[in-house]
């Protein structure tokens, strides 16, 4: 069974069936194992650890090998994303210190025994609280406007074009793209694709089938969604959804 939680623009999962081919995406990703070391390679290097954070645009492969793991896909434009980017300091990955890992694992083991929804959600919140949110600066107002427009957008293609956001922010397309990358660490064009994938999963989260979710999020077809998902996660959308239970959004 996979338990999936949506936290704002971030997605979390508890699963023992994750098997991702080598891939990279414009999300940060944290992995925490239950007991054994994580079977993960970053930039082709096997990293011995029990908890790790992988930076954006960094090739990695992961296999749960039947063991329960906790993972978070972190949108770099969120508060959590900005905090974890600071933790990485532009390095491809960050291995959590032993003392912090032990505390997270102990709580994780408790959750795996109980398997109650309330305990799972409390555990997810405890992971988020591990990060310090002090001394965080704000994005440029124009970047915040783009993010808000994306949050409220409809699926029509014109609302997923840089020229649309350029007009709304009174910046040239090149200037807006440069500013967005500088502020968020991710190209605007790539973030728009990521946003569409997030919207598709959000629809699936609320009970839509893959076809309806794909078209509603602005993809040309379910196969377009499947291809994008495979490229960005190393897994098929069908395998992610199969045997999954979507828990409360918070």
Protein backbone atom coordinates (compact mmCIF):
# COMPACT_ATOMS: atom_id res chain seq x y z
CA UNK A 1 0.00 0.00 0.00
CA UNK A 2 1.17 3.51 -0.80
CA UNK A 3 0.04 6.46 1.32
CA UNK A 4 0.20 9.77 -0.52
CA UNK A 5 -0.20 13.19 1.11
CA UNK A 6 -0.49 16.57 -0.62
CA UNK A 7 1.03 19.46 1.32
CA UNK A 8 0.50 22.65 -0.65
CA UNK A 9 2.52 22.24 -3.85
CA UNK A 10 4.50 19.38 -2.28
CA UNK A 11 3.72 15.68 -2.33
CA UNK A 12 4.74 13.08 0.25
CA UNK A 13 4.51 9.31 0.19
CA UNK A 14 5.05 6.27 2.37
CA UNK A 15 5.66 3.22 0.20
CA UNK A 16 7.58 -0.02 -0.07
CA UNK A 17 7.20 -0.27 -3.85
CA UNK A 18 9.10 2.74 -5.22
CA UNK A 19 11.40 1.77 -8.07
CA UNK A 20 12.54 4.75 -10.11
CA UNK A 21 14.84 4.60 -13.12
CA UNK A 22 17.56 7.24 -13.40
CA UNK A 23 15.86 10.61 -13.81
CA UNK A 24 16.06 14.24 -12.79
CA UNK A 25 13.45 16.91 -12.20
CA UNK A 26 13.02 20.46 -11.00
CA UNK A 27 11.90 19.32 -7.56
CA UNK A 28 13.96 18.70 -4.47
CA UNK A 29 13.44 15.24 -3.02
CA UNK A 30 13.97 13.83 0.44
CA UNK A 31 14.19 10.10 1.21
CA UNK A 32 14.03 8.44 4.64
CA UNK A 33 14.31 4.70 5.12
CA UNK A 34 12.69 2.64 7.83
CA UNK A 35 15.66 0.52 8.94
CA UNK A 36 18.14 -0.41 6.21
CA UNK A 37 20.29 2.03 4.28
CA UNK A 38 18.65 3.75 1.31
CA UNK A 39 19.38 2.15 -2.04
CA UNK A 40 20.03 5.39 -3.94
CA UNK A 41 22.49 6.63 -6.53
CA UNK A 42 23.07 10.35 -7.13
CA UNK A 43 25.03 11.40 -10.20
CA UNK A 44 25.90 7.72 -10.66
CA UNK A 45 27.39 7.41 -7.17
CA UNK A 46 25.99 5.06 -4.52
CA UNK A 47 25.37 7.14 -1.38
CA UNK A 48 25.38 5.12 1.89
CA UNK A 49 22.88 6.80 4.21
CA UNK A 50 19.48 6.49 5.90
CA UNK A 51 18.14 9.97 5.09
CA UNK A 52 19.10 12.18 2.16
CA UNK A 53 17.95 15.32 0.34
CA UNK A 54 18.59 15.48 -3.43
CA UNK A 55 18.87 18.82 -5.21
CA UNK A 56 16.92 19.92 -8.28
CA UNK A 57 18.12 18.90 -11.75
CA UNK A 58 20.28 16.13 -10.25
CA UNK A 59 20.21 12.62 -11.80
CA UNK A 60 19.28 9.95 -9.29
CA UNK A 61 17.83 6.47 -9.13
CA UNK A 62 16.05 4.79 -6.22
CA UNK A 63 14.72 1.36 -5.33
CA UNK A 64 12.78 0.65 -2.13
CA UNK A 65 13.52 -3.09 -2.45
CA UNK A 66 10.30 -3.89 -0.62
CA UNK A 67 11.29 -1.87 2.45
CA UNK A 68 9.04 0.99 3.69
CA UNK A 69 10.37 4.45 2.85
CA UNK A 70 9.16 8.00 3.26
CA UNK A 71 9.76 10.54 0.49
CA UNK A 72 8.84 14.16 -0.22
CA UNK A 73 8.81 15.84 -3.62
CA UNK A 74 9.45 19.47 -2.73
CA UNK A 75 8.46 22.37 -4.97
CA UNK A 76 11.37 24.88 -4.81
CA UNK A 77 8.96 27.85 -4.84
CA UNK A 78 7.33 26.83 -1.53
CA UNK A 79 8.59 27.78 1.92
CA UNK A 80 9.76 24.21 2.43
CA UNK A 81 11.55 24.31 -0.91
CA UNK A 82 13.35 27.54 -0.12
CA UNK A 83 14.47 26.25 3.28
CA UNK A 84 15.80 22.98 1.86
CA UNK A 85 17.63 24.80 -0.93
CA UNK A 86 19.50 26.74 1.75
CA UNK A 87 20.37 23.45 3.44
CA UNK A 88 21.86 22.08 0.23
CA UNK A 89 24.05 25.14 -0.43
CA UNK A 90 24.14 24.35 -4.18
CA UNK A 91 25.46 20.82 -3.56
CA UNK A 92 23.86 17.85 -5.41
CA UNK A 93 22.75 16.21 -2.16
CA UNK A 94 22.71 16.53 1.61
CA UNK A 95 22.96 13.56 3.97
CA UNK A 96 21.11 14.17 7.24
CA UNK A 97 23.23 13.84 10.41
CA UNK A 98 22.93 10.61 12.35
CA UNK A 99 21.27 12.12 15.44
CA UNK A 100 18.50 13.74 13.42
CA UNK A 101 18.01 10.64 11.28
CA UNK A 102 17.58 8.40 14.34
CA UNK A 103 14.78 10.62 15.72
CA UNK A 104 12.94 10.61 12.37
CA UNK A 105 13.34 6.85 11.98
CA UNK A 106 12.01 6.11 15.46
CA UNK A 107 8.82 8.06 14.74
CA UNK A 108 8.59 6.44 11.30
CA UNK A 109 8.79 2.95 12.82
CA UNK A 110 5.98 3.85 15.22
CA UNK A 111 3.82 5.02 12.30
CA UNK A 112 4.51 1.85 10.32
CA UNK A 113 3.20 -0.20 13.25
CA UNK A 114 0.11 1.92 13.91
CA UNK A 115 -0.75 2.77 10.27
CA UNK A 116 -3.47 5.20 11.34
CA UNK A 117 -4.16 8.18 9.12
CA UNK A 118 -3.80 10.61 12.01
CA UNK A 119 -0.40 9.20 12.93
CA UNK A 120 0.78 9.34 9.32
CA UNK A 121 -0.25 12.98 9.01
CA UNK A 122 1.36 13.86 12.34
CA UNK A 123 4.57 12.19 11.20
CA UNK A 124 4.53 14.16 7.93
CA UNK A 125 4.11 17.40 9.87
CA UNK A 126 6.96 16.42 12.19
CA UNK A 127 9.28 16.01 9.18
CA UNK A 128 8.36 19.48 7.94
CA UNK A 129 9.06 20.91 11.37
CA UNK A 130 12.64 19.58 11.21
CA UNK A 131 13.54 22.55 9.01
CA UNK A 132 14.12 26.10 10.24
CA UNK A 133 11.95 28.74 8.57
CA UNK A 134 13.61 31.79 10.15
CA UNK A 135 15.36 34.53 8.18
CA UNK A 136 13.66 33.66 4.91
CA UNK A 137 13.46 36.47 2.37
CA UNK A 138 10.47 37.07 0.11
CA UNK A 139 10.25 36.55 -3.62
CA UNK A 140 9.98 39.56 -5.91
CA UNK A 141 6.31 40.67 -6.09
CA UNK A 142 6.21 39.88 -9.81
CA UNK A 143 7.31 36.31 -9.19
CA UNK A 144 4.66 35.95 -6.50
CA UNK A 145 2.12 37.18 -9.04
CA UNK A 146 3.16 34.50 -11.53
CA UNK A 147 2.87 31.81 -8.85
CA UNK A 148 -0.57 33.08 -7.81
CA UNK A 149 -1.73 33.15 -11.44
CA UNK A 150 -0.60 29.56 -11.86
CA UNK A 151 -2.40 28.52 -8.67
CA UNK A 152 -5.64 30.01 -10.01
CA UNK A 153 -5.23 29.14 -13.69
CA UNK A 154 -7.53 27.12 -15.93
CA UNK A 155 -6.25 24.49 -18.32
CA UNK A 156 -6.40 26.48 -21.57
CA UNK A 157 -3.00 26.62 -23.23
CA UNK A 158 -2.87 30.42 -23.39
CA UNK A 159 -2.66 30.53 -19.57
CA UNK A 160 0.45 28.31 -19.64
CA UNK A 161 2.53 30.55 -21.90
CA UNK A 162 5.38 32.81 -20.80
CA UNK A 163 3.95 35.62 -22.92
CA UNK A 164 0.77 35.53 -20.81
CA UNK A 165 2.74 36.02 -17.59
CA UNK A 166 4.92 38.61 -19.32
CA UNK A 167 1.87 40.78 -20.00
CA UNK A 168 0.54 40.33 -16.48
CA UNK A 169 3.84 41.37 -14.86
CA UNK A 170 4.75 44.13 -17.38
CA UNK A 171 8.11 42.51 -18.06
CA UNK A 172 9.54 41.22 -21.32
CA UNK A 173 9.51 37.44 -21.70
CA UNK A 174 13.29 37.24 -21.44
CA UNK A 175 13.44 39.52 -18.38
CA UNK A 176 10.68 37.58 -16.62
CA UNK A 177 12.34 34.24 -17.40
CA UNK A 178 15.66 35.51 -16.07
CA UNK A 179 14.07 36.89 -12.90
CA UNK A 180 12.08 33.72 -12.25
CA UNK A 181 15.19 31.51 -12.55
CA UNK A 182 17.19 33.88 -10.33
CA UNK A 183 14.51 33.96 -7.62
CA UNK A 184 13.38 30.34 -7.63
CA UNK A 185 16.29 28.38 -9.08
CA UNK A 186 14.10 26.84 -11.78
CA UNK A 187 13.45 27.96 -15.39
CA UNK A 188 9.95 29.38 -15.84
CA UNK A 189 9.27 27.16 -18.86
CA UNK A 190 10.19 24.07 -16.84
CA UNK A 191 8.14 25.23 -13.87
CA UNK A 192 5.04 25.60 -16.05
CA UNK A 193 5.41 21.93 -17.09
CA UNK A 194 5.93 20.97 -13.45
CA UNK A 195 2.83 22.95 -12.48
CA UNK A 196 0.73 21.05 -15.03
CA UNK A 197 1.98 17.74 -13.62
CA UNK A 198 1.12 18.89 -10.09
CA UNK A 199 -2.38 19.87 -11.25
CA UNK A 200 -2.89 16.48 -12.86
CA UNK A 201 -1.94 14.66 -9.66
CA UNK A 202 -4.11 16.99 -7.63
CA UNK A 203 -7.09 16.01 -9.81
CA UNK A 204 -6.23 12.33 -9.40
CA UNK A 205 -5.94 13.00 -5.68
CA UNK A 206 -9.58 14.17 -5.73
CA UNK A 207 -10.79 11.10 -7.63
CA UNK A 208 -10.47 11.96 -11.33
CA UNK A 209 -9.22 9.29 -13.75
CA UNK A 210 -5.92 9.77 -15.58
CA UNK A 211 -7.54 10.88 -18.85
CA UNK A 212 -9.69 13.58 -17.24
CA UNK A 213 -6.82 14.71 -15.02
CA UNK A 214 -4.40 14.96 -17.95
CA UNK A 215 -6.70 17.05 -20.13
CA UNK A 216 -7.85 19.18 -17.20
CA UNK A 217 -4.25 20.05 -16.33
CA UNK A 218 -3.43 21.19 -19.86
CA UNK A 219 -1.73 18.11 -21.32
CA UNK A 220 -2.55 17.23 -24.93
CA UNK A 221 -3.42 13.65 -24.02
CA UNK A 222 -3.00 11.00 -21.30
CA UNK A 223 0.08 9.73 -23.15
CA UNK A 224 1.59 13.25 -22.96
CA UNK A 225 1.06 13.18 -19.19
CA UNK A 226 2.51 9.66 -18.98
CA UNK A 227 5.63 10.69 -20.92
CA UNK A 228 6.18 13.83 -18.84
CA UNK A 229 5.66 11.91 -15.61
CA UNK A 230 8.11 9.18 -16.62
CA UNK A 231 10.76 11.74 -17.58
CA UNK A 232 10.38 13.65 -14.31
CA UNK A 233 9.88 10.81 -11.79
CA UNK A 234 11.42 7.74 -13.41
CA UNK A 235 8.13 5.90 -12.79
CA UNK A 236 4.87 5.39 -14.63
CA UNK A 237 1.81 7.30 -13.44
CA UNK A 238 -0.17 4.03 -13.37
CA UNK A 239 2.31 2.42 -11.00
CA UNK A 240 2.27 5.45 -8.70
CA UNK A 241 -1.52 5.43 -8.48
CA UNK A 242 -1.97 1.66 -8.21
CA UNK A 243 -2.66 0.48 -4.64
CA UNK A 244 -2.36 4.07 -3.40
CA UNK A 245 -4.43 5.70 -0.70
CA UNK A 246 -4.63 9.50 -0.83
CA UNK A 247 -4.81 11.07 2.59
CA UNK A 248 -6.04 14.45 3.77
CA UNK A 249 -4.50 17.56 2.26
CA UNK A 250 -2.92 19.99 4.70
